[in-house]
Protein backbone atom coordinates (compact mmCIF):
# COMPACT_ATOMS: atom_id res chain seq x y z
CA MET A 1 178.96 5.99 65.33
CA MET A 2 182.69 6.50 65.21
CA GLU A 3 182.65 8.20 61.78
CA GLY A 4 180.45 10.99 63.10
CA GLY A 5 182.86 11.71 65.91
CA TYR A 6 180.54 10.12 68.41
CA SER A 7 182.21 7.96 71.02
CA PRO A 8 179.83 5.18 72.12
CA CYS A 9 179.43 4.38 75.80
CA ASN A 10 178.37 1.25 77.67
CA THR A 11 174.72 2.24 77.50
CA THR A 12 174.84 2.47 73.70
CA PHE A 13 176.44 -0.95 73.40
CA ASN A 14 174.00 -2.47 75.91
CA ILE A 15 171.03 -1.21 73.89
CA MET A 16 172.50 -2.56 70.66
CA ILE A 17 173.34 -5.92 72.25
CA ASN A 18 169.74 -6.21 73.44
CA SER A 19 168.44 -5.31 69.98
CA PHE A 20 170.65 -7.83 68.18
CA GLY A 21 169.78 -10.46 70.79
CA ASP A 22 166.06 -9.96 70.18
CA GLN A 23 166.79 -10.54 66.49
CA GLU A 24 169.00 -13.56 67.35
CA ARG A 25 171.93 -12.04 65.49
CA TRP A 26 174.49 -13.81 67.64
CA ASP A 27 177.56 -13.07 65.53
CA ASP A 28 176.71 -9.38 65.74
CA VAL A 29 176.34 -9.65 69.51
CA LYS A 30 179.82 -11.15 69.81
CA ASN A 31 181.26 -8.54 67.43
CA LEU A 32 179.72 -5.77 69.52
CA LEU A 33 181.32 -7.18 72.65
CA ALA A 34 184.70 -7.34 70.89
CA ASN A 35 184.32 -3.76 69.60
CA MET A 36 183.28 -2.59 73.03
CA GLN A 37 186.39 -4.02 74.64
CA SER A 38 188.66 -2.76 71.84
CA LEU A 39 187.48 0.75 72.74
CA GLY A 40 188.50 0.18 76.34
CA LEU A 41 184.93 -0.16 77.57
CA VAL A 42 184.46 -2.83 80.22
CA PRO A 43 181.16 -4.77 80.22
CA ASN A 44 179.18 -3.76 83.30
CA SER A 45 176.39 -5.41 85.27
CA VAL A 46 173.77 -4.19 82.80
CA THR A 47 175.77 -5.67 79.91
CA TYR A 48 175.93 -9.08 81.56
CA THR A 49 172.29 -8.98 82.66
CA THR A 50 171.28 -8.15 79.08
CA LEU A 51 173.41 -10.98 77.69
CA ILE A 52 172.06 -13.55 80.15
CA ASP A 53 168.50 -12.43 79.41
CA ILE A 54 168.80 -12.65 75.61
CA TYR A 55 170.72 -15.93 75.70
CA GLY A 56 168.27 -17.44 78.17
CA LYS A 57 165.18 -16.44 76.18
CA SER A 58 166.67 -18.10 73.09
CA GLY A 59 167.64 -21.27 74.92
CA ARG A 60 171.37 -20.59 74.57
CA PHE A 61 171.99 -21.61 78.16
CA ASN A 62 175.67 -22.47 77.77
CA ASP A 63 176.31 -18.92 76.58
CA ALA A 64 174.25 -17.55 79.48
CA ILE A 65 176.24 -19.56 82.05
CA GLU A 66 179.50 -18.52 80.39
CA CYS A 67 178.47 -14.87 80.79
CA LEU A 68 177.69 -15.48 84.45
CA ASP A 69 181.13 -17.01 84.96
CA ASP A 70 182.82 -14.17 83.05
CA MET A 71 181.02 -11.64 85.21
CA LYS A 72 182.19 -13.27 88.43
CA ALA A 73 185.74 -13.52 87.06
CA ALA A 74 185.62 -9.78 86.37
CA GLY A 75 184.82 -9.16 90.02
CA LEU A 76 181.19 -8.19 89.46
CA LYS A 77 178.47 -9.60 91.68
CA PRO A 78 175.45 -11.17 89.96
CA SER A 79 172.11 -9.57 90.80
CA SER A 80 168.71 -11.01 91.63
CA THR A 81 167.44 -9.64 88.31
CA MET A 82 170.05 -11.68 86.47
CA TYR A 83 169.17 -14.91 88.24
CA ASN A 84 165.45 -14.21 87.84
CA ALA A 85 165.97 -13.98 84.07
CA LEU A 86 167.92 -17.24 83.99
CA ILE A 87 165.47 -19.16 86.21
CA ASN A 88 162.53 -17.89 84.17
CA ALA A 89 164.23 -18.91 80.91
CA TYR A 90 164.71 -22.44 82.22
CA ALA A 91 161.11 -22.48 83.49
CA GLN A 92 159.68 -21.58 80.08
CA ARG A 93 161.21 -24.79 78.72
CA GLY A 94 160.30 -26.96 81.69
CA LEU A 95 163.95 -27.45 82.64
CA SER A 96 163.28 -27.75 86.36
CA GLU A 97 166.63 -29.27 87.36
CA GLN A 98 168.53 -26.43 85.71
CA ALA A 99 166.16 -23.89 87.27
CA VAL A 100 166.86 -25.38 90.71
CA SER A 101 170.62 -25.22 90.04
CA ALA A 102 170.33 -21.53 89.14
CA PHE A 103 168.25 -20.95 92.28
CA ARG A 104 170.90 -22.63 94.42
CA ALA A 105 173.65 -20.59 92.77
CA MET A 106 171.63 -17.49 93.62
CA ARG A 107 171.59 -18.53 97.28
CA VAL A 108 175.32 -19.34 97.26
CA ASP A 109 175.98 -15.82 95.96
CA GLY A 110 174.21 -14.48 99.04
CA LEU A 111 171.12 -13.23 97.23
CA LYS A 112 167.73 -13.46 98.89
CA PRO A 113 165.22 -15.32 96.72
CA SER A 114 162.60 -13.02 95.28
CA LEU A 115 158.94 -13.85 94.78
CA LEU A 116 159.56 -13.61 91.04
CA ALA A 117 162.30 -16.26 91.18
CA LEU A 118 160.19 -18.59 93.31
CA ASN A 119 157.15 -18.21 91.06
CA SER A 120 159.39 -19.05 88.10
CA LEU A 121 160.62 -22.11 89.98
CA ILE A 122 157.02 -23.22 90.53
CA ASN A 123 156.40 -22.73 86.82
CA ALA A 124 159.49 -24.80 85.97
CA PHE A 125 158.21 -27.71 88.07
CA GLY A 126 154.73 -27.32 86.60
CA GLU A 127 156.00 -27.39 83.02
CA ASP A 128 158.06 -30.46 83.95
CA ARG A 129 154.93 -32.15 85.39
CA LYS A 130 156.36 -32.19 88.93
CA ASP A 131 153.42 -30.83 90.89
CA ALA A 132 154.63 -32.15 94.28
CA GLU A 133 157.89 -30.23 93.88
CA ALA A 134 155.93 -27.12 92.88
CA PHE A 135 154.09 -27.24 96.20
CA THR A 136 157.36 -27.57 98.12
CA VAL A 137 158.22 -24.11 96.76
CA LEU A 138 154.96 -22.78 98.22
CA GLN A 139 155.93 -24.31 101.56
CA TYR A 140 159.38 -22.71 101.27
CA MET A 141 157.71 -19.32 100.78
CA LYS A 142 155.60 -19.74 103.89
CA GLU A 143 158.56 -20.85 105.99
CA ASN A 144 160.64 -17.88 104.85
CA ASP A 145 158.04 -15.13 105.32
CA LEU A 146 157.49 -14.61 101.59
CA LYS A 147 153.83 -13.96 100.87
CA PRO A 148 152.54 -15.88 97.84
CA ASP A 149 150.69 -13.73 95.31
CA VAL A 150 148.01 -14.41 92.71
CA VAL A 151 150.71 -15.54 90.24
CA THR A 152 151.92 -18.13 92.76
CA TYR A 153 148.50 -19.69 93.16
CA THR A 154 147.58 -19.47 89.49
CA THR A 155 150.83 -21.19 88.52
CA LEU A 156 150.15 -23.94 91.08
CA MET A 157 146.67 -24.44 89.64
CA LYS A 158 148.16 -24.66 86.16
CA ALA A 159 150.63 -27.29 87.42
CA LEU A 160 147.76 -29.38 88.80
CA ILE A 161 145.76 -29.10 85.59
CA ARG A 162 148.79 -30.19 83.58
CA VAL A 163 148.91 -33.49 85.52
CA GLU A 164 145.09 -33.77 85.47
CA LYS A 165 144.63 -33.37 89.23
CA PHE A 166 141.56 -31.23 88.65
CA ASP A 167 139.98 -32.05 92.02
CA LYS A 168 142.83 -30.31 93.86
CA VAL A 169 142.44 -27.00 92.02
CA PRO A 170 139.44 -25.62 93.99
CA SER A 171 141.30 -25.94 97.31
CA VAL A 172 144.24 -23.94 95.91
CA TYR A 173 141.79 -21.31 94.67
CA GLU A 174 140.19 -21.17 98.12
CA GLU A 175 143.59 -20.84 99.82
CA MET A 176 144.40 -17.97 97.47
CA ILE A 177 141.29 -16.08 98.57
CA LEU A 178 141.84 -16.84 102.26
CA SER A 179 145.42 -15.57 101.99
CA GLY A 180 144.09 -12.19 100.88
CA CYS A 181 144.86 -12.48 97.17
CA THR A 182 142.21 -11.27 94.75
CA PRO A 183 141.78 -13.76 91.90
CA ASP A 184 142.42 -12.26 88.48
CA ARG A 185 140.93 -13.33 85.15
CA LYS A 186 143.59 -16.00 84.63
CA ALA A 187 143.01 -17.51 88.07
CA ARG A 188 139.26 -17.65 87.50
CA ALA A 189 139.86 -19.27 84.10
CA MET A 190 142.00 -21.96 85.76
CA LEU A 191 139.23 -22.73 88.24
CA ARG A 192 136.57 -22.87 85.52
CA SER A 193 138.75 -25.17 83.45
CA ALA A 194 139.24 -27.58 86.37
CA LEU A 195 135.53 -27.56 87.28
CA LYS A 196 134.64 -28.22 83.64
CA TYR A 197 136.84 -31.32 83.52
CA MET A 198 135.52 -32.53 86.87
CA LYS A 199 131.95 -32.18 85.60
CA GLN A 200 132.78 -34.08 82.41
CA THR A 201 134.32 -36.87 84.49
CA LEU A 202 131.19 -37.16 86.64
CA GLU A 203 129.01 -37.37 83.53
CA LEU A 204 131.00 -40.31 82.11
């Protein structure tokens, strides 16, 4: 870039960081950050969000938290998008305690929980086989005027199936319909799966 007389900007570096992160080229990511700062470019909110996202997806949570701390030290305020990415990354690995910690940090930073973050939290509990805790998130939504969506209910059904509480799935499906949510293909598949297991149990 520099040889051609082109002076890179934050956007260029952010795109390259994201690309290298997708390829898990971590040394190149760190070199890019160093080059960026040597050119007098200061990492912005997009830079940090990108870093937290790529680190989280790859399970490099210590690096993700370090970026969050660096961002705060630089006087930048974390965004909901950033916390959503971190909570979702924890959820994908069933790390419910860490997901809850990230959620609490989000609240401490004065950010209103989004439906996306809460659905990810439900997923984290589900993956961690903590169905009771998953339903406390649903209750939290209702108490805080956040309307559950089809993803909320589908994720709850998945959590119940994971712990083999198939008989509870139909009532969640019914609540979803009564709440005004239209079941999608995934939701219908969850119900069919639960009913199938219930039928097999009755035939034993």
